[in-house]
Amino acid sequence: MAMAGNMNGNRGEVGAGRISALMTALSDQVRRVRVYRSVSAELSALSDRELNDLGLSKAMIANVAREAARVA
């Protein structure tokens, strides 16, 4: 019986580690979504001429925002 108690204690530690990892992953994903939305909104607000000056087109905005979020 004492052994079963120890096993439950270890499960709690493993569970805490998993929760911590999950929270970290969730935090990272929220940060990436915010970067994506910010970059997308800023580029979408530019005119075609301004985008062209940056070497971009409207069709490229989603890809640029996705890449910015990936490296963030």
PDB file of N, CA and C in Angstrom:
ATOM      1  N   MET A   1       0.801  -1.196   0.000  1.00  0.00           N
ATOM      2  CA  MET A   1       0.000   0.000   0.000  1.00  0.00           C
ATOM      3  C   MET A   1       0.845   1.261   0.000  1.00  0.00           C
ATOM      4  N   ALA A   2       1.941   1.253   0.749  1.00  0.00           N
ATOM      5  CA  ALA A   2       2.806   2.433   0.775  1.00  0.00           C
ATOM      6  C   ALA A   2       3.347   2.725  -0.617  1.00  0.00           C
ATOM      7  N   MET A   3       3.621   1.669  -1.365  1.00  0.00           N
ATOM      8  CA  MET A   3       4.145   1.850  -2.708  1.00  0.00           C
ATOM      9  C   MET A   3       3.119   2.544  -3.609  1.00  0.00           C
ATOM     10  N   ALA A   4       1.865   2.190  -3.456  1.00  0.00           N
ATOM     11  CA  ALA A   4       0.816   2.824  -4.251  1.00  0.00           C
ATOM     12  C   ALA A   4       0.743   4.314  -3.952  1.00  0.00           C
ATOM     13  N   GLY A   5       0.942   4.680  -2.705  1.00  0.00           N
ATOM     14  CA  GLY A   5       0.938   6.099  -2.345  1.00  0.00           C
ATOM     15  C   GLY A   5       2.067   6.848  -3.026  1.00  0.00           C
ATOM     16  N   ASN A   6       3.226   6.251  -3.114  1.00  0.00           N
ATOM     17  CA  ASN A   6       4.350   6.885  -3.789  1.00  0.00           C
ATOM     18  C   ASN A   6       4.095   7.041  -5.280  1.00  0.00           C
ATOM     19  N   MET A   7       3.463   6.048  -5.861  1.00  0.00           N
ATOM     20  CA  MET A   7       3.173   6.120  -7.284  1.00  0.00           C
ATOM     21  C   MET A   7       2.206   7.262  -7.575  1.00  0.00           C
ATOM     22  N   ASN A   8       1.231   7.468  -6.721  1.00  0.00           N
ATOM     23  CA  ASN A   8       0.297   8.574  -6.914  1.00  0.00           C
ATOM     24  C   ASN A   8       1.010   9.908  -6.790  1.00  0.00           C
ATOM     25  N   GLY A   9       1.958  10.006  -5.882  1.00  0.00           N
ATOM     26  CA  GLY A   9       2.722  11.239  -5.732  1.00  0.00           C
ATOM     27  C   GLY A   9       3.530  11.543  -6.979  1.00  0.00           C
ATOM     28  N   ASN A  10       4.113  10.522  -7.575  1.00  0.00           N
ATOM     29  CA  ASN A  10       4.872  10.727  -8.809  1.00  0.00           C
ATOM     30  C   ASN A  10       3.969  11.164  -9.949  1.00  0.00           C
ATOM     31  N   ARG A  11       2.784  10.612  -9.981  1.00  0.00           N
ATOM     32  CA  ARG A  11       1.848  11.013 -11.028  1.00  0.00           C
ATOM     33  C   ARG A  11       1.508  12.492 -10.909  1.00  0.00           C
ATOM     34  N   GLY A  12       1.415  12.988  -9.697  1.00  0.00           N
ATOM     35  CA  GLY A  12       1.133  14.408  -9.489  1.00  0.00           C
ATOM     36  C   GLY A  12       2.246  15.283 -10.041  1.00  0.00           C
ATOM     37  N   GLU A  13       3.482  14.853  -9.851  1.00  0.00           N
ATOM     38  CA  GLU A  13       4.615  15.617 -10.378  1.00  0.00           C
ATOM     39  C   GLU A  13       4.623  15.590 -11.900  1.00  0.00           C
ATOM     40  N   VAL A  14       4.357  14.436 -12.464  1.00  0.00           N
ATOM     41  CA  VAL A  14       4.302  14.324 -13.920  1.00  0.00           C
ATOM     42  C   VAL A  14       3.156  15.181 -14.449  1.00  0.00           C
ATOM     43  N   GLY A  15       2.021  15.155 -13.787  1.00  0.00           N
ATOM     44  CA  GLY A  15       0.882  15.964 -14.197  1.00  0.00           C
ATOM     45  C   GLY A  15       1.192  17.446 -14.146  1.00  0.00           C
ATOM     46  N   ALA A  16       1.910  17.868 -13.115  1.00  0.00           N
ATOM     47  CA  ALA A  16       2.280  19.284 -13.004  1.00  0.00           C
ATOM     48  C   ALA A  16       3.207  19.674 -14.142  1.00  0.00           C
ATOM     49  N   GLY A  17       4.116  18.780 -14.501  1.00  0.00           N
ATOM     50  CA  GLY A  17       5.015  19.054 -15.623  1.00  0.00           C
ATOM     51  C   GLY A  17       4.268  19.175 -16.930  1.00  0.00           C
ATOM     52  N   ARG A  18       3.283  18.313 -17.112  1.00  0.00           N
ATOM     53  CA  ARG A  18       2.474  18.371 -18.330  1.00  0.00           C
ATOM     54  C   ARG A  18       1.651  19.645 -18.381  1.00  0.00           C
ATOM     55  N   ILE A  19       1.113  20.033 -17.249  1.00  0.00           N
ATOM     56  CA  ILE A  19       0.324  21.273 -17.193  1.00  0.00           C
ATOM     57  C   ILE A  19       1.218  22.467 -17.500  1.00  0.00           C
ATOM     58  N   SER A  20       2.407  22.474 -16.938  1.00  0.00           N
ATOM     59  CA  SER A  20       3.357  23.556 -17.194  1.00  0.00           C
ATOM     60  C   SER A  20       3.703  23.631 -18.686  1.00  0.00           C
ATOM     61  N   ALA A  21       3.962  22.479 -19.293  1.00  0.00           N
ATOM     62  CA  ALA A  21       4.285  22.438 -20.718  1.00  0.00           C
ATOM     63  C   ALA A  21       3.103  22.908 -21.550  1.00  0.00           C
ATOM     64  N   LEU A  22       1.901  22.515 -21.156  1.00  0.00           N
ATOM     65  CA  LEU A  22       0.696  22.931 -21.862  1.00  0.00           C
ATOM     66  C   LEU A  22       0.503  24.440 -21.763  1.00  0.00           C
ATOM     67  N   MET A  23       0.714  24.992 -20.593  1.00  0.00           N
ATOM     68  CA  MET A  23       0.568  26.436 -20.400  1.00  0.00           C
ATOM     69  C   MET A  23       1.611  27.198 -21.223  1.00  0.00           C
ATOM     70  N   THR A  24       2.828  26.683 -21.285  1.00  0.00           N
ATOM     71  CA  THR A  24       3.876  27.313 -22.084  1.00  0.00           C
ATOM     72  C   THR A  24       3.498  27.279 -23.560  1.00  0.00           C
ATOM     73  N   ALA A  25       3.036  26.134 -24.027  1.00  0.00           N
ATOM     74  CA  ALA A  25       2.637  26.004 -25.429  1.00  0.00           C
ATOM     75  C   ALA A  25       1.463  26.932 -25.748  1.00  0.00           C
ATOM     76  N   LEU A  26       0.516  27.035 -24.844  1.00  0.00           N
ATOM     77  CA  LEU A  26      -0.635  27.915 -25.044  1.00  0.00           C
ATOM     78  C   LEU A  26      -0.188  29.378 -25.094  1.00  0.00           C
ATOM     79  N   SER A  27       0.691  29.754 -24.202  1.00  0.00           N
ATOM     80  CA  SER A  27       1.214  31.113 -24.179  1.00  0.00           C
ATOM     81  C   SER A  27       1.949  31.445 -25.480  1.00  0.00           C
ATOM     82  N   ASP A  28       2.755  30.503 -25.961  1.00  0.00           N
ATOM     83  CA  ASP A  28       3.475  30.699 -27.220  1.00  0.00           C
ATOM     84  C   ASP A  28       2.506  30.858 -28.384  1.00  0.00           C
ATOM     85  N   GLN A  29       1.460  30.052 -28.402  1.00  0.00           N
ATOM     86  CA  GLN A  29       0.476  30.126 -29.487  1.00  0.00           C
ATOM     87  C   GLN A  29      -0.274  31.459 -29.451  1.00  0.00           C
ATOM     88  N   VAL A  30      -0.636  31.926 -28.282  1.00  0.00           N
ATOM     89  CA  VAL A  30      -1.320  33.216 -28.154  1.00  0.00           C
ATOM     90  C   VAL A  30      -0.425  34.342 -28.673  1.00  0.00           C
ATOM     91  N   ARG A  31       0.859  34.275 -28.327  1.00  0.00           N
ATOM     92  CA  ARG A  31       1.811  35.283 -28.805  1.00  0.00           C
ATOM     93  C   ARG A  31       1.901  35.259 -30.329  1.00  0.00           C
ATOM     94  N   ARG A  32       1.970  34.062 -30.920  1.00  0.00           N
ATOM     95  CA  ARG A  32       2.058  33.950 -32.374  1.00  0.00           C
ATOM     96  C   ARG A  32       0.795  34.477 -33.058  1.00  0.00           C
ATOM     97  N   VAL A  33      -0.361  34.210 -32.480  1.00  0.00           N
ATOM     98  CA  VAL A  33      -1.618  34.718 -33.054  1.00  0.00           C
ATOM     99  C   VAL A  33      -1.639  36.241 -33.011  1.00  0.00           C
ATOM    100  N   ARG A  34      -1.184  36.794 -31.914  1.00  0.00           N
ATOM    101  CA  ARG A  34      -1.154  38.268 -31.801  1.00  0.00           C
ATOM    102  C   ARG A  34      -0.220  38.885 -32.831  1.00  0.00           C
ATOM    103  N   VAL A  35       0.940  38.279 -33.030  1.00  0.00           N
ATOM    104  CA  VAL A  35       1.881  38.782 -34.032  1.00  0.00           C
ATOM    105  C   VAL A  35       1.251  38.682 -35.418  1.00  0.00           C
ATOM    106  N   TYR A  36       0.649  37.539 -35.721  1.00  0.00           N
ATOM    107  CA  TYR A  36       0.005  37.352 -37.024  1.00  0.00           C
ATOM    108  C   TYR A  36      -1.044  38.437 -37.271  1.00  0.00           C
ATOM    109  N   ARG A  37      -1.908  38.640 -36.287  1.00  0.00           N
ATOM    110  CA  ARG A  37      -2.985  39.627 -36.456  1.00  0.00           C
ATOM    111  C   ARG A  37      -2.432  41.040 -36.607  1.00  0.00           C
ATOM    112  N   SER A  38      -1.414  41.364 -35.830  1.00  0.00           N
ATOM    113  CA  SER A  38      -0.822  42.693 -35.881  1.00  0.00           C
ATOM    114  C   SER A  38      -0.179  42.962 -37.241  1.00  0.00           C
ATOM    115  N   VAL A  39       0.638  42.033 -37.699  1.00  0.00           N
ATOM    116  CA  VAL A  39       1.309  42.199 -38.995  1.00  0.00           C
ATOM    117  C   VAL A  39       0.278  42.248 -40.114  1.00  0.00           C
ATOM    118  N   SER A  40      -0.702  41.361 -40.062  1.00  0.00           N
ATOM    119  CA  SER A  40      -1.739  41.328 -41.082  1.00  0.00           C
ATOM    120  C   SER A  40      -2.519  42.640 -41.119  1.00  0.00           C
ATOM    121  N   ALA A  41      -2.882  43.160 -39.972  1.00  0.00           N
ATOM    122  CA  ALA A  41      -3.640  44.415 -39.915  1.00  0.00           C
ATOM    123  C   ALA A  41      -2.812  45.587 -40.433  1.00  0.00           C
ATOM    124  N   GLU A  42      -1.546  45.633 -40.034  1.00  0.00           N
ATOM    125  CA  GLU A  42      -0.697  46.745 -40.476  1.00  0.00           C
ATOM    126  C   GLU A  42      -0.475  46.713 -41.977  1.00  0.00           C
ATOM    127  N   LEU A  43      -0.194  45.544 -42.525  1.00  0.00           N
ATOM    128  CA  LEU A  43       0.030  45.454 -43.968  1.00  0.00           C
ATOM    129  C   LEU A  43      -1.261  45.670 -44.749  1.00  0.00           C
ATOM    130  N   SER A  44      -2.378  45.210 -44.224  1.00  0.00           N
ATOM    131  CA  SER A  44      -3.661  45.390 -44.902  1.00  0.00           C
ATOM    132  C   SER A  44      -4.070  46.861 -44.966  1.00  0.00           C
ATOM    133  N   ALA A  45      -3.574  47.653 -44.043  1.00  0.00           N
ATOM    134  CA  ALA A  45      -3.904  49.079 -44.018  1.00  0.00           C
ATOM    135  C   ALA A  45      -3.124  49.871 -45.060  1.00  0.00           C
ATOM    136  N   LEU A  46      -2.095  49.260 -45.631  1.00  0.00           N
ATOM    137  CA  LEU A  46      -1.279  49.957 -46.633  1.00  0.00           C
ATOM    138  C   LEU A  46      -1.950  49.915 -47.998  1.00  0.00           C
ATOM    139  N   SER A  47      -1.664  50.937 -48.786  1.00  0.00           N
ATOM    140  CA  SER A  47      -2.191  50.964 -50.151  1.00  0.00           C
ATOM    141  C   SER A  47      -1.365  50.020 -51.023  1.00  0.00           C
ATOM    142  N   ASP A  48      -1.883  49.754 -52.224  1.00  0.00           N
ATOM    143  CA  ASP A  48      -1.150  48.900 -53.162  1.00  0.00           C
ATOM    144  C   ASP A  48       0.220  49.508 -53.483  1.00  0.00           C
ATOM    145  N   ARG A  49       0.267  50.810 -53.603  1.00  0.00           N
ATOM    146  CA  ARG A  49       1.538  51.484 -53.909  1.00  0.00           C
ATOM    147  C   ARG A  49       2.537  51.311 -52.762  1.00  0.00           C
ATOM    148  N   GLU A  50       2.067  51.485 -51.524  1.00  0.00           N
ATOM    149  CA  GLU A  50       2.958  51.321 -50.369  1.00  0.00           C
ATOM    150  C   GLU A  50       3.454  49.877 -50.261  1.00  0.00           C
ATOM    151  N   LEU A  51       2.555  48.938 -50.507  1.00  0.00           N
ATOM    152  CA  LEU A  51       2.966  47.533 -50.501  1.00  0.00           C
ATOM    153  C   LEU A  51       3.989  47.271 -51.600  1.00  0.00           C
ATOM    154  N   ASN A  52       3.753  47.842 -52.773  1.00  0.00           N
ATOM    155  CA  ASN A  52       4.678  47.672 -53.887  1.00  0.00           C
ATOM    156  C   ASN A  52       6.057  48.235 -53.539  1.00  0.00           C
ATOM    157  N   ASP A  53       6.094  49.356 -52.824  1.00  0.00           N
ATOM    158  CA  ASP A  53       7.369  49.931 -52.388  1.00  0.00           C
ATOM    159  C   ASP A  53       8.141  48.970 -51.481  1.00  0.00           C
ATOM    160  N   LEU A  54       7.408  48.123 -50.761  1.00  0.00           N
ATOM    161  CA  LEU A  54       8.023  47.121 -49.880  1.00  0.00           C
ATOM    162  C   LEU A  54       8.300  45.810 -50.608  1.00  0.00           C
ATOM    163  N   GLY A  55       7.911  45.764 -51.876  1.00  0.00           N
ATOM    164  CA  GLY A  55       8.096  44.544 -52.652  1.00  0.00           C
ATOM    165  C   GLY A  55       7.044  43.492 -52.352  1.00  0.00           C
ATOM    166  N   LEU A  56       5.877  43.947 -51.916  1.00  0.00           N
ATOM    167  CA  LEU A  56       4.795  43.035 -51.552  1.00  0.00           C
ATOM    168  C   LEU A  56       3.548  43.327 -52.368  1.00  0.00           C
ATOM    169  N   SER A  57       2.622  42.383 -52.343  1.00  0.00           N
ATOM    170  CA  SER A  57       1.295  42.586 -52.914  1.00  0.00           C
ATOM    171  C   SER A  57       0.273  42.132 -51.878  1.00  0.00           C
ATOM    172  N   LYS A  58      -0.979  42.469 -52.121  1.00  0.00           N
ATOM    173  CA  LYS A  58      -2.043  42.073 -51.176  1.00  0.00           C
ATOM    174  C   LYS A  58      -2.091  40.550 -51.015  1.00  0.00           C
ATOM    175  N   ALA A  59      -1.792  39.827 -52.079  1.00  0.00           N
ATOM    176  CA  ALA A  59      -1.836  38.366 -52.034  1.00  0.00           C
ATOM    177  C   ALA A  59      -0.759  37.778 -51.125  1.00  0.00           C
ATOM    178  N   MET A  60       0.264  38.550 -50.822  1.00  0.00           N
ATOM    179  CA  MET A  60       1.377  38.055 -50.009  1.00  0.00           C
ATOM    180  C   MET A  60       1.210  38.324 -48.521  1.00  0.00           C
ATOM    181  N   ILE A  61       0.222  39.107 -48.140  1.00  0.00           N
ATOM    182  CA  ILE A  61       0.075  39.541 -46.750  1.00  0.00           C
ATOM    183  C   ILE A  61      -0.053  38.359 -45.788  1.00  0.00           C
ATOM    184  N   ALA A  62      -0.908  37.411 -46.105  1.00  0.00           N
ATOM    185  CA  ALA A  62      -1.105  36.266 -45.198  1.00  0.00           C
ATOM    186  C   ALA A  62       0.192  35.484 -45.010  1.00  0.00           C
ATOM    187  N   ASN A  63       0.940  35.276 -46.091  1.00  0.00           N
ATOM    188  CA  ASN A  63       2.200  34.537 -45.983  1.00  0.00           C
ATOM    189  C   ASN A  63       3.238  35.296 -45.166  1.00  0.00           C
ATOM    190  N   VAL A  64       3.324  36.600 -45.362  1.00  0.00           N
ATOM    191  CA  VAL A  64       4.276  37.413 -44.603  1.00  0.00           C
ATOM    192  C   VAL A  64       3.905  37.404 -43.122  1.00  0.00           C
ATOM    193  N   ALA A  65       2.631  37.552 -42.829  1.00  0.00           N
ATOM    194  CA  ALA A  65       2.164  37.536 -41.435  1.00  0.00           C
ATOM    195  C   ALA A  65       2.411  36.177 -40.797  1.00  0.00           C
ATOM    196  N   ARG A  66       2.175  35.111 -41.551  1.00  0.00           N
ATOM    197  CA  ARG A  66       2.404  33.755 -41.043  1.00  0.00           C
ATOM    198  C   ARG A  66       3.882  33.538 -40.720  1.00  0.00           C
ATOM    199  N   GLU A  67       4.751  34.003 -41.591  1.00  0.00           N
ATOM    200  CA  GLU A  67       6.191  33.859 -41.353  1.00  0.00           C
ATOM    201  C   GLU A  67       6.631  34.695 -40.153  1.00  0.00           C
ATOM    202  N   ALA A  68       6.097  35.898 -40.026  1.00  0.00           N
ATOM    203  CA  ALA A  68       6.433  36.737 -38.864  1.00  0.00           C
ATOM    204  C   ALA A  68       6.007  36.062 -37.572  1.00  0.00           C
ATOM    205  N   ALA A  69       4.841  35.447 -37.580  1.00  0.00           N
ATOM    206  CA  ALA A  69       4.349  34.754 -36.384  1.00  0.00           C
ATOM    207  C   ALA A  69       5.184  33.515 -36.089  1.00  0.00           C
ATOM    208  N   ARG A  70       5.642  32.834 -37.130  1.00  0.00           N
ATOM    209  CA  ARG A  70       6.434  31.617 -36.934  1.00  0.00           C
ATOM    210  C   ARG A  70       7.759  31.912 -36.258  1.00  0.00           C
ATOM    211  N   VAL A  71       8.391  33.012 -36.623  1.00  0.00           N
ATOM    212  CA  VAL A  71       9.704  33.327 -36.046  1.00  0.00           C
ATOM    213  C   VAL A  71       9.610  34.136 -34.762  1.00  0.00           C
ATOM    214  N   ALA A  72       8.403  34.573 -34.411  1.00  0.00           N
ATOM    215  CA  ALA A  72       8.228  35.379 -33.197  1.00  0.00           C
ATOM    216  C   ALA A  72       8.407  34.565 -31.940  1.00  0.00           C
TER     217      ALA A  72
END
